[in-house]
Amino acid sequence: MSTTLHASSVPAFIAMLNNIKHWLDLAAATGDEAALIEARLADDMFPLARQIQIAADAAKGAGARMTGTEAPVMADDETTFAELKTRCDKTIAYLESLDADAFDAGASREVVITFPNGAGVKFDGHTFLTGFALPNFYFHATTTYAILRAGGVAIGKQNFLGHLAPYMFAPPA
């Protein structure tokens, strides 16, 4: 049985965005929100808020590019955990609205991404999704997790994989 590009990516985007929301709930209960929002792993890296914005942008950008539609515009002005969770919710709602067949039809669509400096990359949709969008999304999700963990939030691997809870079982007695 083969799987589709939509089935291999959109549910994963949604699951991780929900995980990020949960991490923010844990951070709210255990950390200094203002400090964590601005926290970063290294001086030349984006802070927590921007990591989440980029993760959401990667997910919605993938949906838009694969379906040939416009992604919702978000202002990148979130300054609280609640606002970042709302951004995740809006991204999830957009991803859930995508037509799976239109998404999969984007496998051969040309995708061009131009960077602020004018350079860019050109892909077919399949390569864009599997070689760029998903790795970029997970980079920023993982960096979000790492910033929170480094900031003293009590999260672990089970929180990173929290979406798998329904599949977990206890070891035999």
Protein backbone atom coordinates (compact mmCIF):
# COMPACT_ATOMS: atom_id res chain seq x y z
CA MET A 1 0.00 0.00 0.00
CA SER A 2 1.42 3.37 -0.96
CA THR A 3 0.87 6.58 0.90
CA THR A 4 0.29 10.06 -0.44
CA LEU A 5 2.28 13.23 0.05
CA HIS A 6 -0.68 14.77 1.87
CA ALA A 7 -1.02 11.81 4.23
CA SER A 8 2.74 11.83 4.85
CA SER A 9 2.98 15.50 5.73
CA VAL A 10 -0.18 17.36 6.71
CA PRO A 11 -1.04 15.13 9.69
CA ALA A 12 2.61 15.40 10.82
CA PHE A 13 2.51 19.20 10.60
CA ILE A 14 -0.73 19.26 12.60
CA ALA A 15 0.54 16.82 15.23
CA MET A 16 3.73 18.78 15.86
CA LEU A 17 1.91 22.12 15.97
CA ASN A 18 -0.34 20.60 18.63
CA ASN A 19 2.76 19.38 20.47
CA ILE A 20 4.19 22.91 20.36
CA LYS A 21 0.98 24.24 21.91
CA HIS A 22 1.35 21.68 24.71
CA TRP A 23 4.98 22.70 25.28
CA LEU A 24 3.85 26.30 25.63
CA ASP A 25 1.29 25.21 28.24
CA LEU A 26 4.06 23.49 30.18
CA ALA A 27 6.28 26.54 29.79
CA ALA A 28 3.52 28.82 31.09
CA ALA A 29 3.25 26.69 34.21
CA THR A 30 6.97 26.51 34.91
CA GLY A 31 8.79 29.42 33.32
CA ASP A 32 9.11 33.16 32.91
CA GLU A 33 7.06 33.80 29.77
CA ALA A 34 8.68 37.11 28.77
CA ALA A 35 12.18 35.66 29.13
CA LEU A 36 11.32 32.46 27.27
CA ILE A 37 9.66 34.34 24.38
CA GLU A 38 12.98 36.08 23.76
CA ALA A 39 15.22 33.10 24.61
CA ARG A 40 17.51 31.67 21.97
CA LEU A 41 20.12 28.92 21.85
CA ALA A 42 22.84 31.12 20.39
CA ASP A 43 23.21 34.83 19.80
CA ASP A 44 22.90 34.46 16.04
CA MET A 45 19.71 32.35 16.20
CA PHE A 46 16.13 33.55 16.25
CA PRO A 47 14.33 33.64 19.61
CA LEU A 48 11.53 31.27 20.61
CA ALA A 49 8.66 33.34 19.21
CA ARG A 50 10.30 33.55 15.78
CA GLN A 51 11.06 29.82 15.77
CA ILE A 52 7.34 29.07 16.23
CA GLN A 53 6.35 31.64 13.61
CA ILE A 54 8.72 30.06 11.10
CA ALA A 55 7.51 26.53 11.91
CA ALA A 56 3.92 27.64 11.30
CA ASP A 57 4.98 29.45 8.12
CA ALA A 58 6.77 26.33 6.86
CA ALA A 59 3.65 24.23 7.36
CA LYS A 60 1.20 26.67 5.80
CA GLY A 61 3.67 27.53 3.04
CA ALA A 62 3.95 23.85 2.17
CA GLY A 63 0.17 23.60 1.98
CA ALA A 64 -0.10 26.64 -0.25
CA ARG A 65 2.73 25.68 -2.58
CA MET A 66 1.54 22.10 -2.93
CA THR A 67 -2.05 23.16 -3.70
CA GLY A 68 -1.19 26.22 -5.78
CA THR A 69 -3.17 28.47 -3.44
CA GLU A 70 -2.41 31.40 -1.15
CA ALA A 71 -1.59 30.74 2.49
CA PRO A 72 -3.18 32.95 5.12
CA VAL A 73 -1.02 35.96 5.98
CA MET A 74 0.06 36.25 9.60
CA ALA A 75 1.66 39.39 11.01
CA ASP A 76 4.57 37.84 12.96
CA ASP A 77 3.73 40.02 15.96
CA GLU A 78 3.05 37.41 18.64
CA THR A 79 4.52 38.31 22.04
CA THR A 80 2.77 35.82 24.35
CA PHE A 81 2.32 32.08 24.58
CA ALA A 82 -1.42 32.55 24.02
CA GLU A 83 -0.80 34.45 20.80
CA LEU A 84 1.67 31.81 19.59
CA LYS A 85 -0.87 29.07 20.36
CA THR A 86 -3.47 31.00 18.36
CA ARG A 87 -1.03 31.13 15.44
CA CYS A 88 -0.64 27.35 15.67
CA ASP A 89 -4.45 26.98 15.75
CA LYS A 90 -4.87 29.18 12.67
CA THR A 91 -2.21 27.17 10.84
CA ILE A 92 -3.86 23.90 11.82
CA ALA A 93 -7.26 25.18 10.61
CA TYR A 94 -5.70 26.14 7.28
CA LEU A 95 -3.98 22.77 6.90
CA GLU A 96 -7.24 20.98 7.71
CA SER A 97 -8.99 22.97 4.97
CA LEU A 98 -6.66 21.76 2.22
CA ASP A 99 -7.96 19.38 -0.40
CA ALA A 100 -5.85 16.23 -0.23
CA ASP A 101 -6.14 15.53 -3.96
CA ALA A 102 -5.07 19.07 -4.85
CA PHE A 103 -2.14 18.74 -2.42
CA ASP A 104 -0.98 15.48 -4.00
CA ALA A 105 -1.39 16.93 -7.49
CA GLY A 106 1.31 19.42 -6.53
CA ALA A 107 4.01 16.72 -6.65
CA SER A 108 5.09 17.81 -10.12
CA ARG A 109 4.29 21.53 -9.71
CA GLU A 110 7.28 23.86 -9.96
CA VAL A 111 8.01 25.50 -6.61
CA VAL A 112 10.28 28.54 -6.54
CA ILE A 113 11.40 30.09 -3.27
CA THR A 114 13.23 33.41 -3.40
CA PHE A 115 15.18 34.51 -0.34
CA PRO A 116 15.41 38.12 0.84
CA ASN A 117 18.87 38.49 -0.72
CA GLY A 118 17.47 37.56 -4.16
CA ALA A 119 18.94 34.04 -4.29
CA GLY A 120 16.58 31.12 -4.31
CA VAL A 121 15.81 27.52 -5.03
CA LYS A 122 13.63 25.80 -7.61
CA PHE A 123 12.07 22.38 -7.01
CA ASP A 124 9.36 20.08 -8.18
CA GLY A 125 6.65 19.80 -5.51
CA HIS A 126 7.74 16.38 -4.28
CA THR A 127 11.34 17.47 -3.73
CA PHE A 128 10.19 20.76 -2.18
CA LEU A 129 7.98 18.97 0.35
CA THR A 130 10.29 16.11 1.28
CA GLY A 131 13.65 17.85 0.92
CA PHE A 132 12.88 21.38 2.08
CA ALA A 133 9.51 22.00 3.75
CA LEU A 134 9.44 19.06 6.15
CA PRO A 135 13.11 19.35 7.23
CA ASN A 136 12.74 23.13 7.67
CA PHE A 137 9.56 22.67 9.72
CA TYR A 138 11.18 20.08 11.99
CA PHE A 139 14.32 22.21 12.38
CA HIS A 140 12.27 25.06 13.82
CA ALA A 141 10.03 22.76 15.89
CA THR A 142 13.11 21.05 17.35
CA THR A 143 14.76 24.40 18.04
CA THR A 144 11.57 25.51 19.83
CA TYR A 145 11.75 22.39 21.99
CA ALA A 146 15.46 22.94 22.68
CA ILE A 147 14.99 26.58 23.68
CA LEU A 148 12.25 25.63 26.12
CA ARG A 149 14.28 22.76 27.52
CA ALA A 150 17.37 24.96 27.90
CA GLY A 151 15.15 27.56 29.56
CA GLY A 152 14.23 25.16 32.33
CA VAL A 153 10.87 23.92 31.10
CA ALA A 154 10.33 20.33 32.25
CA ILE A 155 9.81 18.67 28.89
CA GLY A 156 11.30 15.52 27.51
CA LYS A 157 11.20 13.27 24.49
CA GLN A 158 7.73 12.07 25.43
CA ASN A 159 6.55 15.66 24.93
CA PHE A 160 8.24 15.89 21.54
CA LEU A 161 6.45 12.69 20.53
CA GLY A 162 3.29 13.50 22.48
CA HIS A 163 1.08 12.94 19.44
CA LEU A 164 1.97 9.23 19.65
CA ALA A 165 0.38 8.77 23.10
CA PRO A 166 -2.64 6.90 21.69
CA TYR A 167 -0.26 4.22 20.35
CA MET A 168 1.74 3.67 23.52
CA PHE A 169 1.35 0.66 25.81
CA ALA A 170 2.89 -0.56 29.01
CA PRO A 171 5.55 -3.28 28.95
CA PRO A 172 4.34 -6.77 29.80
CA ALA A 173 4.21 -7.59 33.49
